[in-house]
Amino acid sequence: MALVCAPLVATTVEEMERDMAKAKSLGADLVEIRLDFLHHFQPDIDLPRLISNRPLPVLVTFRPNWEGGQYQGDDSTRFSALRSAIELGAEYVDIELKVAEKFISTISEERPENFKLIVSSHNYESTPSCEELSELVARIQAVGADIVKIATTAVDICDTARMIQVMVHCHAPMIGLVMSERGLMSRILSPKFGGYLTFGKLDAEKESAPGQPTITELLDIYNIRQIRADTKVLGLVAKPVKQSKSPILHNKCFKAAGFNGVYLPLLADDLAKFLDTYLSPDFTGFSCSLPHKVIAVGCCDEVDPIARSIGAVNTLIRRPADGKLVGYNTDYIGAISAIEDGIKGSSAKGDVVSPLNGRLIVVVGAGGAGKAVAYGAKEKGARVVVANRTYERAVNLANSVGGQALRLAELATFHPEEGMILANATSLGMYPNVDGTPIPKEALTFYNLVFDAVYAPKVTRLLREAQECGVTIVSGVEMFVRQAMGQFEHFTGMNAPESLMREIAMKYT
């Protein structure tokens, strides 16, 4: 089990003491005291105060600016402070590889019984090859490290795979972390791949390196205490991905169901490259979102017939029997059932035929979500109109469902009949660009019902303006929950806990 370490980056000793207590209350196993962040640091006074009153084990770091830290002075002052930390009983001290030999020569060969020396190397530009990383591990071990620490930077999410490979084969205790949002996987999966510790910041403002999750996220969302070598890895492959609530939803449902899996946000630029890199049976399934849903069809070994008809995949499963990647689409069920229920709620029609049958539905967007809504609506007997910023894509999708194509600007005046339905299947209005909307407010009066696939925020500008016009609205939260239910069943082989999913979605969206 990897330890959870909270980096303390306060500028005063008083604040650092408060942060130590907070780290303990949040569930951290130890804290990293970053001496280089302290203003007016007085070693003889501040170190005894911080170390003697520690509520948790401490890792003392005094990082120089040439290794990404704040300290700009000479090494002798740093070395003296770190030696004092050892004498005062600090459980760990971190020293940079570049000066490790020099520092080690100044400390007693008889190290305290419970003390461990971490020798670290940081690369803020890239992640070297596996061979270079392995050579770096050997160099760090050779200088006398008790624990190897290597932190690199992910330019692409596939860079993280090299760190994982080196960690798995390292025979010494190792901290292997890949910085930036694309490297988040390395931090969360540290216990799965044998990492000694991982860092969790106290809150969003207090990180000591790029891409650190919070302690609360590690413990309460990713359930890091339950991650083991045999834990299955799943996640949402998208760009952007940080706004998604899928990790909260699936991880909480996995925990409630007793499913040994963890679900990650996976910021991937190239889906095919990502899938070619993470081929291990440990990676058992993925959700697929913007901009990868259409490309995903060609990345699968097999595609479910409905997903192939739609031309988009939002769920990828690695079949245990043969390792083949199978693609499904749960978006169309999620969106269409939500729209149908919205129509029933507003008109109380019977259930003999779909309430979409014979209705005119305008689908905004011709990407993966747009394809799913258009296909589902056609299957239910609706007449489909597709509007898209790129007209050629609207024409292609409209032709595939026997519908009509419009330019996005034409929505302002498109009003061939009463009782139309509008379905936004674009990212317009999604956090953080919450002012976006695909249609002028005055044109919303042409519609009886407006559906928005965007669920963050829960009430988008489009839905708010539709409501102000007296139009029935259906939130993207409905589609989010319903498509997630289908994914959960593919991921786990269990029935989806619908009531729990709704409760989580309402709380976090």
Protein backbone atom coordinates (compact mmCIF):
# COMPACT_ATOMS: atom_id res chain seq x y z
CA MET A 1 0.00 0.00 0.00
CA ALA A 2 1.42 3.39 -1.00
CA LEU A 3 1.53 6.06 1.68
CA VAL A 4 -0.33 9.33 1.13
CA CYS A 5 1.94 12.33 1.73
CA ALA A 6 0.65 15.90 2.03
CA PRO A 7 3.13 18.55 0.81
CA LEU A 8 3.15 21.60 3.08
CA VAL A 9 3.90 24.77 1.12
CA ALA A 10 2.92 27.43 3.66
CA THR A 11 5.12 30.51 3.98
CA THR A 12 5.04 30.68 7.81
CA VAL A 13 5.72 28.11 10.54
CA GLU A 14 2.36 28.87 12.17
CA GLU A 15 0.47 28.09 8.98
CA MET A 16 2.57 24.97 8.43
CA GLU A 17 1.64 23.72 11.91
CA ARG A 18 -2.05 24.26 11.12
CA ASP A 19 -1.63 22.48 7.80
CA MET A 20 0.03 19.51 9.54
CA ALA A 21 -3.01 19.14 11.79
CA LYS A 22 -5.31 19.48 8.79
CA ALA A 23 -3.37 16.81 6.88
CA LYS A 24 -3.83 14.41 9.78
CA SER A 25 -7.57 15.14 9.99
CA LEU A 26 -7.93 14.50 6.23
CA GLY A 27 -6.27 11.10 6.52
CA ALA A 28 -2.70 11.65 5.25
CA ASP A 29 0.00 9.19 6.40
CA LEU A 30 2.81 11.74 6.48
CA VAL A 31 3.61 15.32 5.52
CA GLU A 32 6.38 16.82 3.43
CA ILE A 33 7.76 19.95 5.08
CA ARG A 34 8.94 22.16 2.22
CA LEU A 35 11.45 24.39 3.98
CA ASP A 36 12.13 26.27 0.73
CA PHE A 37 8.61 27.78 0.84
CA LEU A 38 9.10 29.33 4.30
CA HIS A 39 9.76 33.07 4.38
CA HIS A 40 12.40 34.18 6.92
CA PHE A 41 13.31 30.57 7.75
CA GLN A 42 15.34 30.27 10.99
CA PRO A 43 16.62 26.68 11.18
CA ASP A 44 17.56 26.70 14.89
CA ILE A 45 14.10 27.89 15.92
CA ASP A 46 11.74 26.65 13.19
CA LEU A 47 12.98 23.09 12.70
CA PRO A 48 12.66 21.97 16.37
CA ARG A 49 9.22 23.55 16.50
CA LEU A 50 8.00 21.81 13.35
CA ILE A 51 9.53 18.41 14.01
CA SER A 52 9.07 18.03 17.78
CA ASN A 53 5.36 18.89 17.57
CA ARG A 54 4.62 16.80 14.47
CA PRO A 55 1.29 14.93 14.54
CA LEU A 56 2.45 12.73 11.61
CA PRO A 57 5.77 11.39 10.32
CA VAL A 58 7.65 14.03 8.34
CA LEU A 59 9.59 14.17 5.09
CA VAL A 60 11.84 17.23 5.11
CA THR A 61 12.70 18.81 1.75
CA PHE A 62 14.69 21.98 1.08
CA ARG A 63 14.43 22.17 -2.71
CA PRO A 64 16.77 24.55 -4.60
CA ASN A 65 15.54 26.59 -7.54
CA TRP A 66 17.75 24.62 -9.94
CA GLU A 67 15.61 21.54 -9.17
CA GLY A 68 12.25 23.32 -9.32
CA GLY A 69 12.17 24.60 -5.72
CA GLN A 70 12.11 28.03 -4.12
CA TYR A 71 15.51 28.15 -2.34
CA GLN A 72 18.15 30.36 -3.96
CA GLY A 73 20.99 30.14 -1.45
CA ASP A 74 24.06 27.93 -1.16
CA ASP A 75 24.20 24.21 -0.45
CA SER A 76 25.99 24.49 2.89
CA THR A 77 23.00 26.22 4.49
CA ARG A 78 20.64 23.63 3.00
CA PHE A 79 22.78 20.68 4.05
CA SER A 80 23.05 22.03 7.60
CA ALA A 81 19.26 22.33 7.89
CA LEU A 82 18.70 18.82 6.50
CA ARG A 83 21.30 17.35 8.90
CA SER A 84 19.50 19.08 11.78
CA ALA A 85 16.21 17.56 10.61
CA ILE A 86 17.77 14.09 10.77
CA GLU A 87 19.14 14.74 14.27
CA LEU A 88 15.73 16.02 15.43
CA GLY A 89 14.12 12.75 14.39
CA ALA A 90 12.64 13.41 10.93
CA GLU A 91 11.59 10.10 9.40
CA TYR A 92 12.63 11.10 5.87
CA VAL A 93 14.87 13.67 4.19
CA ASP A 94 14.89 14.31 0.43
CA ILE A 95 18.11 15.26 -1.32
CA GLU A 96 18.62 15.83 -5.04
CA LEU A 97 20.72 13.32 -7.00
CA LYS A 98 22.93 16.09 -8.37
CA VAL A 99 24.34 16.79 -4.87
CA ALA A 100 23.48 13.53 -3.07
CA GLU A 101 27.03 12.19 -2.90
CA LYS A 102 28.29 15.48 -1.48
CA PHE A 103 25.46 15.60 1.12
CA ILE A 104 25.81 11.96 2.15
CA SER A 105 29.53 12.51 2.82
CA THR A 106 28.55 15.10 5.46
CA ILE A 107 26.21 12.84 7.46
CA SER A 108 27.05 10.02 9.81
CA GLU A 109 27.21 6.54 8.34
CA GLU A 110 25.18 5.46 11.36
CA ARG A 111 21.77 6.77 10.33
CA PRO A 112 18.95 6.75 12.90
CA GLU A 113 17.03 3.46 12.96
CA ASN A 114 13.71 4.85 11.68
CA PHE A 115 15.25 7.26 9.17
CA LYS A 116 15.16 6.86 5.39
CA LEU A 117 17.05 8.98 2.84
CA ILE A 118 15.17 9.78 -0.36
CA VAL A 119 17.37 10.69 -3.32
CA SER A 120 15.38 12.45 -6.01
CA SER A 121 15.55 13.52 -9.63
CA HIS A 122 13.07 15.87 -11.31
CA ASN A 123 12.49 16.47 -15.01
CA TYR A 124 10.07 19.32 -15.70
CA GLU A 125 10.15 18.97 -19.49
CA SER A 126 9.57 15.33 -20.45
CA THR A 127 9.68 11.65 -19.50
CA PRO A 128 12.80 9.85 -20.75
CA SER A 129 12.85 6.37 -22.28
CA CYS A 130 12.56 3.24 -20.12
CA GLU A 131 16.28 2.63 -20.57
CA GLU A 132 17.18 6.13 -19.39
CA LEU A 133 14.80 5.87 -16.44
CA SER A 134 16.30 2.50 -15.45
CA GLU A 135 19.81 3.99 -15.63
CA LEU A 136 18.61 6.85 -13.42
CA VAL A 137 17.26 4.36 -10.86
CA ALA A 138 20.64 2.59 -10.81
CA ARG A 139 22.52 5.88 -10.31
CA ILE A 140 20.25 6.89 -7.43
CA GLN A 141 20.68 3.49 -5.77
CA ALA A 142 24.44 3.65 -6.24
CA VAL A 143 24.84 6.87 -4.20
CA GLY A 144 23.22 5.22 -1.16
CA ALA A 145 19.51 6.06 -1.36
CA ASP A 146 17.10 4.18 0.87
CA ILE A 147 14.26 5.27 -1.43
CA VAL A 148 14.47 6.21 -5.12
CA LYS A 149 12.35 9.17 -6.23
CA ILE A 150 11.94 10.12 -9.88
CA ALA A 151 9.46 12.76 -11.05
CA THR A 152 9.09 13.46 -14.75
CA THR A 153 6.60 15.37 -16.92
CA ALA A 154 3.97 13.91 -19.25
CA VAL A 155 3.78 15.63 -22.62
CA ASP A 156 1.41 12.83 -23.66
CA ILE A 157 -0.54 10.40 -21.45
CA CYS A 158 1.43 7.53 -23.01
CA ASP A 159 4.60 8.85 -21.31
CA THR A 160 3.20 7.58 -18.00
CA ALA A 161 3.45 3.97 -19.22
CA ARG A 162 7.26 4.19 -19.19
CA MET A 163 7.30 5.24 -15.53
CA ILE A 164 4.89 2.43 -14.64
CA GLN A 165 7.09 -0.12 -16.42
CA VAL A 166 10.20 1.01 -14.54
CA MET A 167 8.39 1.05 -11.17
CA VAL A 168 7.08 -2.49 -11.64
CA HIS A 169 10.61 -3.80 -12.26
CA CYS A 170 12.40 -1.73 -9.59
CA HIS A 171 13.68 -3.84 -6.68
CA ALA A 172 14.26 -0.85 -4.39
CA PRO A 173 11.51 1.22 -2.71
CA MET A 174 10.55 3.79 -5.36
CA ILE A 175 8.46 6.91 -5.72
CA GLY A 176 7.72 7.26 -9.43
CA LEU A 177 5.49 10.16 -10.41
CA VAL A 178 4.66 11.83 -13.70
CA MET A 179 3.68 15.49 -13.40
CA SER A 180 0.93 17.39 -15.27
CA GLU A 181 -2.71 16.44 -15.85
CA ARG A 182 -1.64 13.84 -18.43
CA GLY A 183 0.40 12.09 -15.72
CA LEU A 184 -2.35 11.88 -13.08
CA MET A 185 -2.61 8.12 -13.58
CA SER A 186 0.86 7.64 -12.07
CA ARG A 187 -0.22 9.32 -8.84
CA ILE A 188 -3.46 7.40 -8.35
CA LEU A 189 -2.14 4.00 -9.42
CA SER A 190 0.99 4.25 -7.28
CA PRO A 191 -0.17 1.42 -4.92
CA LYS A 192 -1.06 -0.86 -7.85
CA PHE A 193 2.40 -0.66 -9.37
CA GLY A 194 4.45 -0.78 -6.15
CA GLY A 195 5.02 2.92 -5.45
CA TYR A 196 6.27 3.80 -1.97
CA LEU A 197 4.17 6.96 -1.65
CA THR A 198 2.10 9.44 -3.59
CA PHE A 199 1.41 13.11 -2.92
CA GLY A 200 -2.01 14.57 -2.15
CA LYS A 201 -2.36 18.31 -1.66
CA LEU A 202 -4.46 19.80 1.15
CA ASP A 203 -6.61 21.81 -1.24
CA ALA A 204 -6.63 23.13 -4.80
CA GLU A 205 -4.29 26.05 -3.98
CA LYS A 206 -1.53 24.17 -2.17
CA GLU A 207 0.27 21.97 -4.67
CA SER A 208 4.03 21.53 -4.70
CA ALA A 209 4.14 20.07 -8.23
CA PRO A 210 1.86 20.13 -11.30
CA GLY A 211 -0.98 17.61 -11.44
CA GLN A 212 -1.29 16.68 -7.77
CA PRO A 213 -4.77 15.52 -6.71
CA THR A 214 -6.09 16.49 -3.28
CA ILE A 215 -5.95 14.12 -0.31
CA THR A 216 -9.75 14.04 -0.35
CA GLU A 217 -9.80 13.03 -4.02
CA LEU A 218 -7.26 10.26 -3.43
CA LEU A 219 -9.09 8.83 -0.42
CA ASP A 220 -12.77 9.56 -1.10
CA ILE A 221 -13.06 9.51 -4.90
CA TYR A 222 -10.31 7.16 -6.06
CA ASN A 223 -10.42 4.98 -2.90
CA ILE A 224 -6.62 4.71 -2.99
CA ARG A 225 -6.55 2.60 0.19
CA GLN A 226 -8.39 -0.16 -1.69
CA ILE A 227 -6.15 -0.14 -4.79
CA ARG A 228 -4.09 -3.33 -5.02
CA ALA A 229 -1.95 -5.07 -7.65
CA ASP A 230 -5.05 -6.87 -8.97
CA THR A 231 -7.29 -3.76 -9.13
CA LYS A 232 -8.82 -3.25 -12.58
CA VAL A 233 -8.15 0.11 -14.26
CA LEU A 234 -10.94 1.87 -16.15
CA GLY A 235 -11.49 5.50 -17.07
CA LEU A 236 -12.80 8.26 -19.27
CA VAL A 237 -10.65 8.95 -22.34
CA ALA A 238 -11.41 12.50 -23.44
CA LYS A 239 -10.02 15.97 -24.16
CA PRO A 240 -10.88 17.96 -22.09
CA VAL A 241 -11.60 15.62 -19.19
CA LYS A 242 -11.20 17.46 -15.88
CA GLN A 243 -14.79 18.79 -15.93
CA SER A 244 -16.26 15.26 -16.02
CA LYS A 245 -18.14 13.82 -13.05
CA SER A 246 -17.79 10.26 -14.36
CA PRO A 247 -14.86 9.41 -12.03
CA ILE A 248 -16.93 10.41 -8.98
CA LEU A 249 -19.96 8.50 -10.21
CA HIS A 250 -18.26 5.26 -11.20
CA ASN A 251 -15.79 5.08 -8.30
CA LYS A 252 -18.52 5.58 -5.70
CA CYS A 253 -20.66 2.94 -7.43
CA PHE A 254 -17.70 0.53 -7.70
CA LYS A 255 -17.10 0.90 -3.98
CA ALA A 256 -20.78 0.39 -3.11
CA ALA A 257 -20.92 -2.72 -5.32
CA GLY A 258 -17.67 -4.16 -3.95
CA PHE A 259 -16.11 -4.09 -7.44
CA ASN A 260 -12.30 -4.11 -7.39
CA GLY A 261 -11.71 -1.35 -9.90
CA VAL A 262 -10.69 2.30 -10.13
CA TYR A 263 -11.98 4.77 -12.74
CA LEU A 264 -9.66 7.59 -13.87
CA PRO A 265 -9.89 10.80 -15.91
CA LEU A 266 -7.57 10.11 -18.86
CA LEU A 267 -6.54 13.18 -20.87
CA ALA A 268 -5.58 11.66 -24.21
CA ASP A 269 -4.67 13.52 -27.38
CA ASP A 270 -4.57 10.46 -29.64
CA LEU A 271 -7.01 7.62 -28.88
CA ALA A 272 -5.36 5.00 -31.11
CA LYS A 273 -1.94 5.67 -29.56
CA PHE A 274 -3.44 5.51 -26.06
CA LEU A 275 -5.11 2.16 -26.72
CA ASP A 276 -1.94 0.75 -28.33
CA THR A 277 0.06 1.78 -25.26
CA TYR A 278 -2.25 0.52 -22.52
CA LEU A 279 -2.77 -3.02 -23.84
CA SER A 280 -2.28 -4.75 -20.50
CA PRO A 281 -5.24 -6.82 -19.20
CA ASP A 282 -5.10 -4.53 -16.13
CA PHE A 283 -6.84 -1.89 -18.30
CA THR A 284 -10.24 -3.50 -18.68
CA GLY A 285 -12.52 -0.79 -20.07
CA PHE A 286 -12.95 2.84 -20.99
CA SER A 287 -15.62 5.44 -21.48
CA CYS A 288 -14.98 7.49 -24.58
CA SER A 289 -15.98 11.14 -24.99
CA LEU A 290 -15.17 14.24 -27.03
CA PRO A 291 -13.36 14.23 -29.42
CA HIS A 292 -12.80 10.47 -29.67
CA LYS A 293 -16.24 8.81 -30.09
CA VAL A 294 -16.22 8.57 -33.89
CA ILE A 295 -12.53 7.63 -34.15
CA ALA A 296 -13.14 4.90 -31.53
CA VAL A 297 -15.14 2.84 -34.04
CA GLY A 298 -11.99 2.20 -36.06
CA CYS A 299 -9.92 1.42 -32.97
CA CYS A 300 -12.01 -1.59 -31.93
CA ASP A 301 -11.47 -5.24 -32.84
CA GLU A 302 -15.24 -5.68 -32.80
CA VAL A 303 -18.09 -3.16 -32.73
CA ASP A 304 -21.62 -3.81 -31.49
CA PRO A 305 -24.04 -3.59 -34.48
CA ILE A 306 -25.96 -0.64 -32.99
CA ALA A 307 -22.75 1.30 -32.31
CA ARG A 308 -21.61 0.56 -35.88
CA SER A 309 -24.94 1.82 -37.27
CA ILE A 310 -24.60 5.00 -35.20
CA GLY A 311 -20.98 5.44 -36.25
CA ALA A 312 -19.82 6.26 -32.72
CA VAL A 313 -18.57 4.34 -29.68
CA ASN A 314 -18.71 5.63 -26.10
CA THR A 315 -17.81 2.39 -24.29
CA LEU A 316 -14.74 0.19 -24.85
CA ILE A 317 -14.39 -3.19 -23.17
CA ARG A 318 -11.32 -5.43 -23.24
CA ARG A 319 -12.83 -8.90 -23.45
CA PRO A 320 -11.14 -11.12 -20.82
CA ALA A 321 -11.24 -14.29 -22.93
CA ASP A 322 -9.09 -13.00 -25.78
CA GLY A 323 -8.07 -9.41 -24.97
CA LYS A 324 -10.03 -8.06 -27.95
CA LEU A 325 -11.37 -4.51 -27.71
CA VAL A 326 -15.15 -4.37 -28.19
CA GLY A 327 -17.03 -1.10 -28.75
CA TYR A 328 -20.56 -0.23 -27.62
CA ASN A 329 -22.78 2.85 -27.55
CA THR A 330 -24.89 3.61 -24.49
CA ASP A 331 -25.38 7.30 -25.40
CA TYR A 332 -28.36 6.71 -27.68
CA ILE A 333 -30.37 4.84 -25.03
CA GLY A 334 -29.49 7.47 -22.43
CA ALA A 335 -30.46 10.44 -24.59
CA ILE A 336 -33.56 9.02 -26.27
CA SER A 337 -35.12 7.57 -23.10
CA ALA A 338 -34.54 10.92 -21.35
CA ILE A 339 -36.24 12.82 -24.19
CA GLU A 340 -39.12 10.32 -24.30
CA ASP A 341 -39.73 10.67 -20.57
CA GLY A 342 -39.61 14.46 -20.94
CA ILE A 343 -42.32 14.32 -23.62
CA LYS A 344 -44.46 11.94 -21.54
CA GLY A 345 -44.09 14.20 -18.54
CA SER A 346 -45.29 17.22 -20.49
CA SER A 347 -48.12 15.55 -22.44
CA ALA A 348 -48.98 12.36 -20.49
CA LYS A 349 -49.36 10.22 -23.64
CA GLY A 350 -49.66 6.45 -23.49
CA ASP A 351 -46.73 4.05 -23.95
CA VAL A 352 -47.99 2.04 -26.95
CA VAL A 353 -45.63 3.79 -29.38
CA SER A 354 -42.73 6.10 -28.70
CA PRO A 355 -43.77 9.70 -28.03
CA LEU A 356 -41.06 10.61 -30.56
CA ASN A 357 -42.92 8.82 -33.35
CA GLY A 358 -43.82 11.32 -36.09
CA ARG A 359 -42.27 14.28 -34.23
CA LEU A 360 -39.73 16.64 -35.78
CA ILE A 361 -36.47 16.68 -33.81
CA VAL A 362 -33.66 19.12 -34.53
CA VAL A 363 -30.31 17.63 -33.50
CA VAL A 364 -27.53 20.20 -33.05
CA GLY A 365 -24.14 18.61 -33.64
CA ALA A 366 -22.86 15.89 -35.95
CA GLY A 367 -20.21 14.34 -33.71
CA GLY A 368 -20.48 11.19 -31.62
CA ALA A 369 -23.32 12.39 -29.39
CA GLY A 370 -25.19 13.91 -32.35
CA LYS A 371 -24.94 10.62 -34.28
CA ALA A 372 -26.33 8.72 -31.26
CA VAL A 373 -29.31 11.08 -30.81
CA ALA A 374 -30.09 11.18 -34.55
CA TYR A 375 -29.91 7.39 -34.87
CA GLY A 376 -32.02 6.81 -31.76
CA ALA A 377 -34.65 9.36 -32.83
CA LYS A 378 -34.93 7.80 -36.30
CA GLU A 379 -35.34 4.33 -34.75
CA LYS A 380 -38.23 5.70 -32.69
CA GLY A 381 -39.99 7.06 -35.78
CA ALA A 382 -39.02 10.73 -35.50
CA ARG A 383 -38.24 12.97 -38.48
CA VAL A 384 -34.69 14.20 -38.02
CA VAL A 385 -33.10 17.54 -38.89
CA VAL A 386 -29.35 17.95 -38.26
CA ALA A 387 -27.79 21.38 -37.72
CA ASN A 388 -24.04 21.75 -37.50
CA ARG A 389 -21.42 24.46 -37.77
CA THR A 390 -19.69 22.48 -40.53
CA TYR A 391 -22.52 22.02 -43.03
CA GLU A 392 -20.95 19.05 -44.84
CA ARG A 393 -20.97 17.03 -41.62
CA ALA A 394 -24.63 17.92 -41.07
CA VAL A 395 -25.41 16.68 -44.61
CA ASN A 396 -23.57 13.39 -44.05
CA LEU A 397 -25.38 12.65 -40.80
CA ALA A 398 -28.77 13.77 -42.14
CA ASN A 399 -28.36 11.51 -45.17
CA SER A 400 -27.56 8.52 -42.94
CA VAL A 401 -30.86 8.91 -41.06
CA GLY A 402 -32.99 10.05 -43.99
CA GLY A 403 -33.23 13.57 -42.61
CA GLN A 404 -32.60 17.20 -43.50
CA ALA A 405 -29.45 19.27 -42.96
CA LEU A 406 -29.17 22.87 -41.77
CA ARG A 407 -26.40 25.32 -41.15
CA LEU A 408 -26.18 26.29 -37.49
CA ALA A 409 -27.07 29.92 -38.28
CA GLU A 410 -30.34 28.79 -39.89
CA LEU A 411 -31.72 27.72 -36.51
CA ALA A 412 -32.60 31.34 -35.77
CA THR A 413 -35.42 31.23 -38.34
CA PHE A 414 -36.15 27.50 -38.80
CA HIS A 415 -39.82 27.02 -37.88
CA PRO A 416 -41.61 24.70 -40.33
CA GLU A 417 -44.15 23.49 -37.76
CA GLU A 418 -45.25 23.66 -34.13
CA GLY A 419 -44.29 21.14 -31.45
CA MET A 420 -40.67 20.61 -32.48
CA ILE A 421 -37.99 19.10 -30.21
CA LEU A 422 -34.46 20.52 -29.93
CA ALA A 423 -31.53 18.35 -28.85
CA ASN A 424 -28.14 19.98 -28.29
CA ALA A 425 -25.44 17.34 -28.77
CA THR A 426 -22.49 19.75 -28.89
CA SER A 427 -20.26 20.98 -26.08
CA LEU A 428 -21.62 24.53 -26.38
CA GLY A 429 -22.41 25.78 -22.89
CA MET A 430 -20.18 23.22 -21.15
CA TYR A 431 -17.99 24.31 -18.26
CA PRO A 432 -15.89 26.48 -18.37
CA ASN A 433 -17.50 28.14 -21.44
CA VAL A 434 -20.88 28.43 -19.76
CA ASP A 435 -22.09 31.37 -21.90
CA GLY A 436 -22.21 29.27 -25.06
CA THR A 437 -25.54 28.33 -26.67
CA PRO A 438 -26.35 26.95 -30.14
CA ILE A 439 -29.51 28.98 -30.75
CA PRO A 440 -30.84 32.51 -30.06
CA LYS A 441 -33.28 32.71 -27.16
CA GLU A 442 -36.13 34.06 -29.30
CA ALA A 443 -35.98 30.95 -31.52
CA LEU A 444 -36.55 28.65 -28.54
CA THR A 445 -40.27 29.51 -28.62
CA PHE A 446 -40.51 27.33 -31.76
CA TYR A 447 -40.01 24.23 -29.62
CA ASN A 448 -42.12 22.20 -27.17
CA LEU A 449 -39.12 20.52 -25.54
CA VAL A 450 -35.40 21.30 -25.34
CA PHE A 451 -32.81 18.67 -24.36
CA ASP A 452 -29.15 19.46 -23.66
CA ALA A 453 -26.54 16.68 -23.55
CA VAL A 454 -24.26 18.98 -21.51
CA TYR A 455 -24.55 18.25 -17.77
CA ALA A 456 -21.84 20.50 -16.34
CA PRO A 457 -23.41 22.89 -15.47
CA LYS A 458 -26.66 21.10 -14.67
CA VAL A 459 -28.71 23.99 -16.04
CA THR A 460 -26.95 25.37 -19.10
CA ARG A 461 -27.66 28.74 -20.67
CA LEU A 462 -29.69 26.91 -23.34
CA LEU A 463 -31.90 25.21 -20.74
CA ARG A 464 -32.25 28.36 -18.64
CA GLU A 465 -33.38 30.42 -21.62
CA ALA A 466 -35.74 27.67 -22.79
CA GLN A 467 -37.31 27.54 -19.35
CA GLU A 468 -37.73 31.31 -19.38
CA CYS A 469 -39.62 30.87 -22.68
CA GLY A 470 -41.97 28.37 -21.03
CA VAL A 471 -40.52 25.36 -22.86
CA THR A 472 -40.19 21.91 -21.22
CA ILE A 473 -36.52 21.12 -20.58
CA VAL A 474 -34.58 17.88 -20.10
CA SER A 475 -31.19 18.17 -18.43
CA GLY A 476 -28.07 16.37 -19.63
CA VAL A 477 -27.87 14.87 -16.15
CA GLU A 478 -30.60 12.43 -17.29
CA MET A 479 -28.54 11.26 -20.25
CA PHE A 480 -25.39 11.18 -18.09
CA VAL A 481 -26.97 8.83 -15.55
CA ARG A 482 -28.65 6.59 -18.11
CA GLN A 483 -25.61 6.14 -20.35
CA ALA A 484 -23.48 5.54 -17.24
CA MET A 485 -25.84 2.78 -16.12
CA GLY A 486 -25.19 0.95 -19.39
CA GLN A 487 -21.44 1.47 -19.04
CA PHE A 488 -21.42 0.25 -15.42
CA GLU A 489 -23.06 -3.00 -16.53
CA HIS A 490 -20.49 -3.48 -19.31
CA PHE A 491 -17.63 -2.69 -16.90
CA THR A 492 -18.71 -4.88 -13.99
CA GLY A 493 -21.21 -7.45 -15.23
CA MET A 494 -23.51 -6.26 -12.43
CA ASN A 495 -26.82 -4.40 -12.47
CA ALA A 496 -26.33 -0.64 -12.22
CA PRO A 497 -27.38 0.96 -8.90
CA GLU A 498 -29.73 3.52 -10.47
CA SER A 499 -30.90 5.23 -7.29
CA LEU A 500 -27.31 5.66 -6.04
CA MET A 501 -26.23 6.98 -9.44
CA ARG A 502 -29.03 9.55 -9.42
CA GLU A 503 -28.16 10.60 -5.89
CA ILE A 504 -24.48 11.06 -6.81
CA ALA A 505 -25.30 12.89 -10.06
CA MET A 506 -27.64 15.32 -8.30
CA LYS A 507 -25.06 16.03 -5.60
CA TYR A 508 -22.02 16.56 -7.80
CA THR A 509 -23.36 18.07 -11.06
